[in-house]
């Protein structure tokens, strides 16, 4: 059983109940996100304008995040690793002093 199949079944089973309770749910695949470049460090914002911009909004709005990934050679695949690395912008935002 693939990790996507497992998570999609979990999502399908809880989506209706959570939606009725007023909790929005979104199933997202990690596609269209480019690699990390560390430009965000000290800025708190990502210079790359790709699908990850929508992911940032979803992550900031989320109460919970479930990340599922297969494991290849004792590590997550490149797409998952890029997603994790690109979350550096959100971490950096927390520690970036406001301009002005």
PDB file of N, CA and C in Angstrom:
ATOM      1  N   UNK A   1       0.855  -1.172   0.000  1.00  0.00           N
ATOM      2  CA  UNK A   1       0.000   0.000   0.000  1.00  0.00           C
ATOM      3  C   UNK A   1       0.899   1.232   0.000  1.00  0.00           C
ATOM      4  N   UNK A   2       0.647   2.155  -0.908  1.00  0.00           N
ATOM      5  CA  UNK A   2       1.469   3.364  -0.949  1.00  0.00           C
ATOM      6  C   UNK A   2       1.033   4.348   0.122  1.00  0.00           C
ATOM      7  N   UNK A   3       1.939   5.236   0.472  1.00  0.00           N
ATOM      8  CA  UNK A   3       1.609   6.222   1.504  1.00  0.00           C
ATOM      9  C   UNK A   3       0.486   7.140   1.042  1.00  0.00           C
ATOM     10  N   UNK A   4       0.438   7.472  -0.251  1.00  0.00           N
ATOM     11  CA  UNK A   4      -0.644   8.343  -0.734  1.00  0.00           C
ATOM     12  C   UNK A   4      -1.991   7.650  -0.614  1.00  0.00           C
ATOM     13  N   UNK A   5      -2.056   6.389  -0.934  1.00  0.00           N
ATOM     14  CA  UNK A   5      -3.312   5.645  -0.804  1.00  0.00           C
ATOM     15  C   UNK A   5      -3.760   5.606   0.652  1.00  0.00           C
ATOM     16  N   UNK A   6      -2.847   5.351   1.543  1.00  0.00           N
ATOM     17  CA  UNK A   6      -3.170   5.300   2.968  1.00  0.00           C
ATOM     18  C   UNK A   6      -3.697   6.648   3.463  1.00  0.00           C
ATOM     19  N   UNK A   7      -2.997   7.721   3.146  1.00  0.00           N
ATOM     20  CA  UNK A   7      -3.425   9.051   3.607  1.00  0.00           C
ATOM     21  C   UNK A   7      -4.727   9.474   2.929  1.00  0.00           C
ATOM     22  N   UNK A   8      -4.901   9.141   1.651  1.00  0.00           N
ATOM     23  CA  UNK A   8      -6.150   9.528   0.985  1.00  0.00           C
ATOM     24  C   UNK A   8      -7.344   8.814   1.613  1.00  0.00           C
ATOM     25  N   UNK A   9      -7.170   7.570   2.068  1.00  0.00           N
ATOM     26  CA  UNK A   9      -8.256   6.864   2.756  1.00  0.00           C
ATOM     27  C   UNK A   9      -8.553   7.498   4.113  1.00  0.00           C
ATOM     28  N   UNK A  10      -7.524   7.867   4.837  1.00  0.00           N
ATOM     29  CA  UNK A  10      -7.719   8.552   6.118  1.00  0.00           C
ATOM     30  C   UNK A  10      -8.430   9.884   5.877  1.00  0.00           C
ATOM     31  N   UNK A  11      -7.972  10.629   4.887  1.00  0.00           N
ATOM     32  CA  UNK A  11      -8.567  11.920   4.563  1.00  0.00           C
ATOM     33  C   UNK A  11     -10.042  11.757   4.202  1.00  0.00           C
ATOM     34  N   UNK A  12     -10.331  10.783   3.342  1.00  0.00           N
ATOM     35  CA  UNK A  12     -11.719  10.539   2.917  1.00  0.00           C
ATOM     36  C   UNK A  12     -12.598  10.200   4.111  1.00  0.00           C
ATOM     37  N   UNK A  13     -12.073   9.451   5.059  1.00  0.00           N
ATOM     38  CA  UNK A  13     -12.889   9.024   6.200  1.00  0.00           C
ATOM     39  C   UNK A  13     -13.166  10.149   7.195  1.00  0.00           C
ATOM     40  N   UNK A  14     -12.313  11.148   7.287  1.00  0.00           N
ATOM     41  CA  UNK A  14     -12.527  12.224   8.265  1.00  0.00           C
ATOM     42  C   UNK A  14     -13.001  13.527   7.639  1.00  0.00           C
ATOM     43  N   UNK A  15     -12.881  13.675   6.340  1.00  0.00           N
ATOM     44  CA  UNK A  15     -13.205  14.943   5.681  1.00  0.00           C
ATOM     45  C   UNK A  15     -14.643  15.393   5.940  1.00  0.00           C
ATOM     46  N   UNK A  16     -15.610  14.522   5.764  1.00  0.00           N
ATOM     47  CA  UNK A  16     -17.006  14.903   5.946  1.00  0.00           C
ATOM     48  C   UNK A  16     -17.309  15.366   7.364  1.00  0.00           C
ATOM     49  N   UNK A  17     -16.832  14.608   8.325  1.00  0.00           N
ATOM     50  CA  UNK A  17     -17.086  14.953   9.726  1.00  0.00           C
ATOM     51  C   UNK A  17     -16.420  16.281  10.097  1.00  0.00           C
ATOM     52  N   UNK A  18     -15.184  16.470   9.664  1.00  0.00           N
ATOM     53  CA  UNK A  18     -14.492  17.714   9.983  1.00  0.00           C
ATOM     54  C   UNK A  18     -15.134  18.909   9.286  1.00  0.00           C
ATOM     55  N   UNK A  19     -15.561  18.725   8.055  1.00  0.00           N
ATOM     56  CA  UNK A  19     -16.221  19.810   7.324  1.00  0.00           C
ATOM     57  C   UNK A  19     -17.524  20.206   8.008  1.00  0.00           C
ATOM     58  N   UNK A  20     -18.294  19.213   8.445  1.00  0.00           N
ATOM     59  CA  UNK A  20     -19.541  19.507   9.178  1.00  0.00           C
ATOM     60  C   UNK A  20     -19.259  20.245  10.479  1.00  0.00           C
ATOM     61  N   UNK A  21     -18.105  20.000  11.067  1.00  0.00           N
ATOM     62  CA  UNK A  21     -17.724  20.663  12.323  1.00  0.00           C
ATOM     63  C   UNK A  21     -17.095  22.036  12.067  1.00  0.00           C
ATOM     64  N   UNK A  22     -17.025  22.438  10.792  1.00  0.00           N
ATOM     65  CA  UNK A  22     -16.465  23.746  10.462  1.00  0.00           C
ATOM     66  C   UNK A  22     -14.953  23.765  10.337  1.00  0.00           C
ATOM     67  N   UNK A  23     -14.354  22.596  10.228  1.00  0.00           N
ATOM     68  CA  UNK A  23     -12.900  22.502  10.083  1.00  0.00           C
ATOM     69  C   UNK A  23     -12.588  22.217   8.620  1.00  0.00           C
ATOM     70  N   UNK A  24     -12.018  23.190   7.899  1.00  0.00           N
ATOM     71  CA  UNK A  24     -11.718  22.949   6.489  1.00  0.00           C
ATOM     72  C   UNK A  24     -10.579  21.940   6.332  1.00  0.00           C
ATOM     73  N   UNK A  25     -10.684  21.084   5.322  1.00  0.00           N
ATOM     74  CA  UNK A  25      -9.672  20.060   5.057  1.00  0.00           C
ATOM     75  C   UNK A  25      -9.220  20.172   3.606  1.00  0.00           C
ATOM     76  N   UNK A  26      -7.946  20.010   3.381  1.00  0.00           N
ATOM     77  CA  UNK A  26      -7.399  20.055   2.033  1.00  0.00           C
ATOM     78  C   UNK A  26      -6.387  18.929   1.875  1.00  0.00           C
ATOM     79  N   UNK A  27      -6.490  18.187   0.781  1.00  0.00           N
ATOM     80  CA  UNK A  27      -5.517  17.151   0.442  1.00  0.00           C
ATOM     81  C   UNK A  27      -4.600  17.758  -0.607  1.00  0.00           C
ATOM     82  N   UNK A  28      -3.311  17.773  -0.346  1.00  0.00           N
ATOM     83  CA  UNK A  28      -2.356  18.431  -1.229  1.00  0.00           C
ATOM     84  C   UNK A  28      -1.263  17.454  -1.617  1.00  0.00           C
ATOM     85  N   UNK A  29      -0.916  17.440  -2.903  1.00  0.00           N
ATOM     86  CA  UNK A  29       0.240  16.670  -3.377  1.00  0.00           C
ATOM     87  C   UNK A  29       1.402  17.633  -3.562  1.00  0.00           C
ATOM     88  N   UNK A  30       2.598  17.160  -3.274  1.00  0.00           N
ATOM     89  CA  UNK A  30       3.786  18.001  -3.407  1.00  0.00           C
ATOM     90  C   UNK A  30       4.298  17.974  -4.847  1.00  0.00           C
ATOM     91  N   UNK A  31       3.678  18.776  -5.678  1.00  0.00           N
ATOM     92  CA  UNK A  31       4.137  18.899  -7.061  1.00  0.00           C
ATOM     93  C   UNK A  31       4.272  20.371  -7.404  1.00  0.00           C
ATOM     94  N   UNK A  32       5.183  20.680  -8.283  1.00  0.00           N
ATOM     95  CA  UNK A  32       5.347  22.052  -8.744  1.00  0.00           C
ATOM     96  C   UNK A  32       6.150  22.943  -7.820  1.00  0.00           C
ATOM     97  N   UNK A  33       6.808  22.365  -6.836  1.00  0.00           N
ATOM     98  CA  UNK A  33       7.632  23.153  -5.925  1.00  0.00           C
ATOM     99  C   UNK A  33       9.096  22.960  -6.306  1.00  0.00           C
ATOM    100  N   UNK A  34       9.786  24.044  -6.501  1.00  0.00           N
ATOM    101  CA  UNK A  34      11.185  24.002  -6.908  1.00  0.00           C
ATOM    102  C   UNK A  34      12.079  23.762  -5.699  1.00  0.00           C
ATOM    103  N   UNK A  35      13.358  23.725  -5.901  1.00  0.00           N
ATOM    104  CA  UNK A  35      14.299  23.425  -4.819  1.00  0.00           C
ATOM    105  C   UNK A  35      14.507  24.621  -3.888  1.00  0.00           C
ATOM    106  N   UNK A  36      15.069  24.342  -2.746  1.00  0.00           N
ATOM    107  CA  UNK A  36      15.354  25.383  -1.758  1.00  0.00           C
ATOM    108  C   UNK A  36      16.661  26.089  -2.105  1.00  0.00           C
ATOM    109  N   UNK A  37      16.728  27.385  -1.816  1.00  0.00           N
ATOM    110  CA  UNK A  37      17.945  28.138  -2.143  1.00  0.00           C
ATOM    111  C   UNK A  37      18.490  28.941  -0.960  1.00  0.00           C
ATOM    112  N   UNK A  38      17.752  28.994   0.131  1.00  0.00           N
ATOM    113  CA  UNK A  38      18.126  29.697   1.368  1.00  0.00           C
ATOM    114  C   UNK A  38      18.092  31.218   1.242  1.00  0.00           C
ATOM    115  N   UNK A  39      17.503  31.756   0.186  1.00  0.00           N
ATOM    116  CA  UNK A  39      17.360  33.199   0.024  1.00  0.00           C
ATOM    117  C   UNK A  39      16.514  33.769   1.160  1.00  0.00           C
ATOM    118  N   UNK A  40      15.590  32.974   1.680  1.00  0.00           N
ATOM    119  CA  UNK A  40      14.638  33.431   2.698  1.00  0.00           C
ATOM    120  C   UNK A  40      15.288  33.745   4.043  1.00  0.00           C
ATOM    121  N   UNK A  41      16.453  33.181   4.288  1.00  0.00           N
ATOM    122  CA  UNK A  41      17.080  33.394   5.589  1.00  0.00           C
ATOM    123  C   UNK A  41      17.360  34.877   5.805  1.00  0.00           C
ATOM    124  N   UNK A  42      16.859  35.384   6.902  1.00  0.00           N
ATOM    125  CA  UNK A  42      17.015  36.797   7.210  1.00  0.00           C
ATOM    126  C   UNK A  42      15.957  37.674   6.561  1.00  0.00           C
ATOM    127  N   UNK A  43      15.114  37.070   5.722  1.00  0.00           N
ATOM    128  CA  UNK A  43      14.060  37.838   5.052  1.00  0.00           C
ATOM    129  C   UNK A  43      12.657  37.362   5.450  1.00  0.00           C
ATOM    130  N   UNK A  44      12.536  36.057   5.687  1.00  0.00           N
ATOM    131  CA  UNK A  44      11.246  35.496   6.077  1.00  0.00           C
ATOM    132  C   UNK A  44      10.268  35.349   4.935  1.00  0.00           C
ATOM    133  N   UNK A  45      10.762  35.402   3.719  1.00  0.00           N
ATOM    134  CA  UNK A  45       9.886  35.263   2.552  1.00  0.00           C
ATOM    135  C   UNK A  45      10.656  34.538   1.457  1.00  0.00           C
ATOM    136  N   UNK A  46       9.942  33.792   0.646  1.00  0.00           N
ATOM    137  CA  UNK A  46      10.569  32.993  -0.411  1.00  0.00           C
ATOM    138  C   UNK A  46      10.623  33.789  -1.713  1.00  0.00           C
ATOM    139  N   UNK A  47      11.778  33.777  -2.359  1.00  0.00           N
ATOM    140  CA  UNK A  47      11.959  34.488  -3.623  1.00  0.00           C
ATOM    141  C   UNK A  47      11.336  33.714  -4.789  1.00  0.00           C
ATOM    142  N   UNK A  48      11.204  32.420  -4.646  1.00  0.00           N
ATOM    143  CA  UNK A  48      10.673  31.602  -5.734  1.00  0.00           C
ATOM    144  C   UNK A  48       9.148  31.676  -5.734  1.00  0.00           C
ATOM    145  N   UNK A  49       8.598  32.074  -6.831  1.00  0.00           N
ATOM    146  CA  UNK A  49       7.145  32.204  -6.958  1.00  0.00           C
ATOM    147  C   UNK A  49       6.617  31.003  -7.740  1.00  0.00           C
ATOM    148  N   UNK A  50       6.331  29.950  -7.008  1.00  0.00           N
ATOM    149  CA  UNK A  50       5.849  28.719  -7.620  1.00  0.00           C
ATOM    150  C   UNK A  50       4.719  28.150  -6.769  1.00  0.00           C
ATOM    151  N   UNK A  51       4.437  26.882  -6.913  1.00  0.00           N
ATOM    152  CA  UNK A  51       3.331  26.250  -6.181  1.00  0.00           C
ATOM    153  C   UNK A  51       3.519  26.301  -4.666  1.00  0.00           C
ATOM    154  N   UNK A  52       4.719  26.504  -4.208  1.00  0.00           N
ATOM    155  CA  UNK A  52       4.971  26.539  -2.767  1.00  0.00           C
ATOM    156  C   UNK A  52       4.309  27.752  -2.114  1.00  0.00           C
ATOM    157  N   UNK A  53       4.077  28.817  -2.852  1.00  0.00           N
ATOM    158  CA  UNK A  53       3.404  29.992  -2.283  1.00  0.00           C
ATOM    159  C   UNK A  53       2.029  29.610  -1.753  1.00  0.00           C
ATOM    160  N   UNK A  54       1.303  28.786  -2.513  1.00  0.00           N
ATOM    161  CA  UNK A  54       0.003  28.301  -2.048  1.00  0.00           C
ATOM    162  C   UNK A  54       0.136  27.375  -0.848  1.00  0.00           C
ATOM    163  N   UNK A  55       1.230  26.618  -0.813  1.00  0.00           N
ATOM    164  CA  UNK A  55       1.476  25.723   0.320  1.00  0.00           C
ATOM    165  C   UNK A  55       1.725  26.522   1.597  1.00  0.00           C
ATOM    166  N   UNK A  56       2.466  27.624   1.495  1.00  0.00           N
ATOM    167  CA  UNK A  56       2.715  28.460   2.674  1.00  0.00           C
ATOM    168  C   UNK A  56       1.400  28.941   3.265  1.00  0.00           C
ATOM    169  N   UNK A  57       0.502  29.408   2.418  1.00  0.00           N
ATOM    170  CA  UNK A  57      -0.795  29.890   2.905  1.00  0.00           C
ATOM    171  C   UNK A  57      -1.555  28.774   3.614  1.00  0.00           C
ATOM    172  N   UNK A  58      -1.548  27.583   3.023  1.00  0.00           N
ATOM    173  CA  UNK A  58      -2.244  26.451   3.646  1.00  0.00           C
ATOM    174  C   UNK A  58      -1.608  26.085   4.987  1.00  0.00           C
ATOM    175  N   UNK A  59      -0.286  26.077   5.039  1.00  0.00           N
ATOM    176  CA  UNK A  59       0.400  25.738   6.281  1.00  0.00           C
ATOM    177  C   UNK A  59       0.119  26.764   7.377  1.00  0.00           C
ATOM    178  N   UNK A  60       0.113  28.032   7.015  1.00  0.00           N
ATOM    179  CA  UNK A  60      -0.140  29.074   8.006  1.00  0.00           C
ATOM    180  C   UNK A  60      -1.579  29.042   8.512  1.00  0.00           C
ATOM    181  N   UNK A  61      -2.508  28.604   7.674  1.00  0.00           N
ATOM    182  CA  UNK A  61      -3.911  28.515   8.073  1.00  0.00           C
ATOM    183  C   UNK A  61      -4.235  27.217   8.807  1.00  0.00           C
ATOM    184  N   UNK A  62      -3.360  26.221   8.703  1.00  0.00           N
ATOM    185  CA  UNK A  62      -3.662  24.890   9.229  1.00  0.00           C
ATOM    186  C   UNK A  62      -3.539  24.814  10.744  1.00  0.00           C
ATOM    187  N   UNK A  63      -4.446  24.081  11.299  1.00  0.00           N
ATOM    188  CA  UNK A  63      -4.333  23.758  12.720  1.00  0.00           C
ATOM    189  C   UNK A  63      -3.477  22.506  12.881  1.00  0.00           C
ATOM    190  N   UNK A  64      -3.645  21.567  11.961  1.00  0.00           N
ATOM    191  CA  UNK A  64      -2.861  20.337  11.933  1.00  0.00           C
ATOM    192  C   UNK A  64      -2.345  20.120  10.526  1.00  0.00           C
ATOM    193  N   UNK A  65      -1.211  19.485  10.437  1.00  0.00           N
ATOM    194  CA  UNK A  65      -0.638  19.087   9.145  1.00  0.00           C
ATOM    195  C   UNK A  65      -0.230  17.630   9.267  1.00  0.00           C
ATOM    196  N   UNK A  66      -0.667  16.826   8.299  1.00  0.00           N
ATOM    197  CA  UNK A  66      -0.260  15.433   8.233  1.00  0.00           C
ATOM    198  C   UNK A  66       0.588  15.289   6.982  1.00  0.00           C
ATOM    199  N   UNK A  67       1.818  14.886   7.150  1.00  0.00           N
ATOM    200  CA  UNK A  67       2.735  14.692   6.030  1.00  0.00           C
ATOM    201  C   UNK A  67       3.034  13.207   5.931  1.00  0.00           C
ATOM    202  N   UNK A  68       2.767  12.647   4.774  1.00  0.00           N
ATOM    203  CA  UNK A  68       3.014  11.232   4.555  1.00  0.00           C
ATOM    204  C   UNK A  68       4.002  11.082   3.413  1.00  0.00           C
ATOM    205  N   UNK A  69       4.925  10.154   3.564  1.00  0.00           N
ATOM    206  CA  UNK A  69       5.934   9.946   2.538  1.00  0.00           C
ATOM    207  C   UNK A  69       6.467   8.536   2.620  1.00  0.00           C
ATOM    208  N   UNK A  70       6.765   7.952   1.458  1.00  0.00           N
ATOM    209  CA  UNK A  70       7.489   6.679   1.518  1.00  0.00           C
ATOM    210  C   UNK A  70       8.925   6.941   1.979  1.00  0.00           C
ATOM    211  N   UNK A  71       9.602   5.905   2.358  1.00  0.00           N
ATOM    212  CA  UNK A  71      10.999   6.016   2.764  1.00  0.00           C
ATOM    213  C   UNK A  71      11.840   5.233   1.753  1.00  0.00           C
ATOM    214  N   UNK A  72      12.812   5.905   1.173  1.00  0.00           N
ATOM    215  CA  UNK A  72      13.740   5.276   0.239  1.00  0.00           C
ATOM    216  C   UNK A  72      15.143   5.413   0.802  1.00  0.00           C
ATOM    217  N   UNK A  73      15.839   4.317   0.951  1.00  0.00           N
ATOM    218  CA  UNK A  73      17.211   4.331   1.459  1.00  0.00           C
ATOM    219  C   UNK A  73      17.315   5.125   2.754  1.00  0.00           C
ATOM    220  N   UNK A  74      16.385   4.865   3.682  1.00  0.00           N
ATOM    221  CA  UNK A  74      16.372   5.462   5.021  1.00  0.00           C
ATOM    222  C   UNK A  74      16.153   6.969   5.026  1.00  0.00           C
ATOM    223  N   UNK A  75      15.501   7.486   4.008  1.00  0.00           N
ATOM    224  CA  UNK A  75      15.223   8.922   3.959  1.00  0.00           C
ATOM    225  C   UNK A  75      13.976   9.170   3.125  1.00  0.00           C
ATOM    226  N   UNK A  76      13.432  10.368   3.237  1.00  0.00           N
ATOM    227  CA  UNK A  76      12.272  10.733   2.431  1.00  0.00           C
ATOM    228  C   UNK A  76      12.742  11.030   1.004  1.00  0.00           C
ATOM    229  N   UNK A  77      11.868  10.858   0.009  1.00  0.00           N
ATOM    230  CA  UNK A  77      12.228  11.173  -1.370  1.00  0.00           C
ATOM    231  C   UNK A  77      12.513  12.662  -1.557  1.00  0.00           C
ATOM    232  N   UNK A  78      13.152  12.994  -2.647  1.00  0.00           N
ATOM    233  CA  UNK A  78      13.558  14.360  -2.927  1.00  0.00           C
ATOM    234  C   UNK A  78      12.422  15.374  -2.865  1.00  0.00           C
ATOM    235  N   UNK A  79      11.254  15.046  -3.404  1.00  0.00           N
ATOM    236  CA  UNK A  79      10.121  15.985  -3.411  1.00  0.00           C
ATOM    237  C   UNK A  79       9.721  16.346  -1.979  1.00  0.00           C
ATOM    238  N   UNK A  80       9.685  15.361  -1.091  1.00  0.00           N
ATOM    239  CA  UNK A  80       9.335  15.623   0.305  1.00  0.00           C
ATOM    240  C   UNK A  80      10.426  16.429   0.992  1.00  0.00           C
ATOM    241  N   UNK A  81      11.675  16.093   0.710  1.00  0.00           N
ATOM    242  CA  UNK A  81      12.801  16.836   1.286  1.00  0.00           C
ATOM    243  C   UNK A  81      12.787  18.284   0.827  1.00  0.00           C
ATOM    244  N   UNK A  82      12.472  18.526  -0.454  1.00  0.00           N
ATOM    245  CA  UNK A  82      12.385  19.909  -0.943  1.00  0.00           C
ATOM    246  C   UNK A  82      11.290  20.675  -0.211  1.00  0.00           C
ATOM    247  N   UNK A  83      10.140  20.024   0.009  1.00  0.00           N
ATOM    248  CA  UNK A  83       9.051  20.665   0.742  1.00  0.00           C
ATOM    249  C   UNK A  83       9.501  21.055   2.145  1.00  0.00           C
ATOM    250  N   UNK A  84      10.145  20.123   2.833  1.00  0.00           N
ATOM    251  CA  UNK A  84      10.637  20.397   4.186  1.00  0.00           C
ATOM    252  C   UNK A  84      11.641  21.547   4.159  1.00  0.00           C
ATOM    253  N   UNK A  85      12.578  21.507   3.216  1.00  0.00           N
ATOM    254  CA  UNK A  85      13.581  22.570   3.111  1.00  0.00           C
ATOM    255  C   UNK A  85      12.946  23.917   2.782  1.00  0.00           C
ATOM    256  N   UNK A  86      11.925  23.919   1.938  1.00  0.00           N
ATOM    257  CA  UNK A  86      11.273  25.171   1.570  1.00  0.00           C
ATOM    258  C   UNK A  86      10.475  25.765   2.717  1.00  0.00           C
ATOM    259  N   UNK A  87      10.163  24.983   3.729  1.00  0.00           N
ATOM    260  CA  UNK A  87       9.495  25.510   4.927  1.00  0.00           C
ATOM    261  C   UNK A  87      10.440  26.377   5.747  1.00  0.00           C
ATOM    262  N   UNK A  88      11.700  26.428   5.353  1.00  0.00           N
ATOM    263  CA  UNK A  88      12.680  27.310   5.985  1.00  0.00           C
ATOM    264  C   UNK A  88      12.180  28.757   5.962  1.00  0.00           C
ATOM    265  N   UNK A  89      11.479  29.145   4.905  1.00  0.00           N
ATOM    266  CA  UNK A  89      10.964  30.515   4.814  1.00  0.00           C
ATOM    267  C   UNK A  89      10.013  30.820   5.976  1.00  0.00           C
ATOM    268  N   UNK A  90       9.185  29.851   6.355  1.00  0.00           N
ATOM    269  CA  UNK A  90       8.264  30.071   7.473  1.00  0.00           C
ATOM    270  C   UNK A  90       9.012  30.135   8.794  1.00  0.00           C
ATOM    271  N   UNK A  91      10.006  29.284   8.961  1.00  0.00           N
ATOM    272  CA  UNK A  91      10.816  29.316  10.179  1.00  0.00           C
ATOM    273  C   UNK A  91      11.584  30.626  10.256  1.00  0.00           C
ATOM    274  N   UNK A  92      12.162  31.037   9.139  1.00  0.00           N
ATOM    275  CA  UNK A  92      12.938  32.278   9.101  1.00  0.00           C
ATOM    276  C   UNK A  92      12.044  33.487   9.380  1.00  0.00           C
ATOM    277  N   UNK A  93      10.809  33.435   8.909  1.00  0.00           N
ATOM    278  CA  UNK A  93       9.857  34.529   9.149  1.00  0.00           C
ATOM    279  C   UNK A  93       9.656  34.755  10.639  1.00  0.00           C
ATOM    280  N   UNK A  94       9.667  33.670  11.399  1.00  0.00           N
ATOM    281  CA  UNK A  94       9.458  33.761  12.845  1.00  0.00           C
ATOM    282  C   UNK A  94      10.594  34.532  13.513  1.00  0.00           C
ATOM    283  N   UNK A  95      11.788  34.417  12.968  1.00  0.00           N
ATOM    284  CA  UNK A  95      12.966  35.034  13.592  1.00  0.00           C
ATOM    285  C   UNK A  95      13.513  36.237  12.835  1.00  0.00           C
ATOM    286  N   UNK A  96      12.761  36.740  11.868  1.00  0.00           N
ATOM    287  CA  UNK A  96      13.181  37.899  11.098  1.00  0.00           C
ATOM    288  C   UNK A  96      12.585  39.154  11.719  1.00  0.00           C
ATOM    289  N   UNK A  97      13.407  40.105  12.110  1.00  0.00           N
ATOM    290  CA  UNK A  97      12.837  41.342  12.682  1.00  0.00           C
ATOM    291  C   UNK A  97      12.058  42.107  11.632  1.00  0.00           C
ATOM    292  N   UNK A  98      10.954  42.729  12.012  1.00  0.00           N
ATOM    293  CA  UNK A  98      10.165  43.511  11.061  1.00  0.00           C
ATOM    294  C   UNK A  98      10.974  44.685  10.513  1.00  0.00           C
ATOM    295  N   UNK A  99      10.710  45.000   9.229  1.00  0.00           N
ATOM    296  CA  UNK A  99      11.399  46.135   8.615  1.00  0.00           C
ATOM    297  C   UNK A  99      10.829  47.428   9.149  1.00  0.00           C
ATOM    298  N   UNK A 100      11.678  48.453   9.155  1.00  0.00           N
ATOM    299  CA  UNK A 100      11.192  49.770   9.546  1.00  0.00           C
ATOM    300  C   UNK A 100      11.853  50.287  10.696  1.00  0.00           C
TER     301      UNK A 100
END
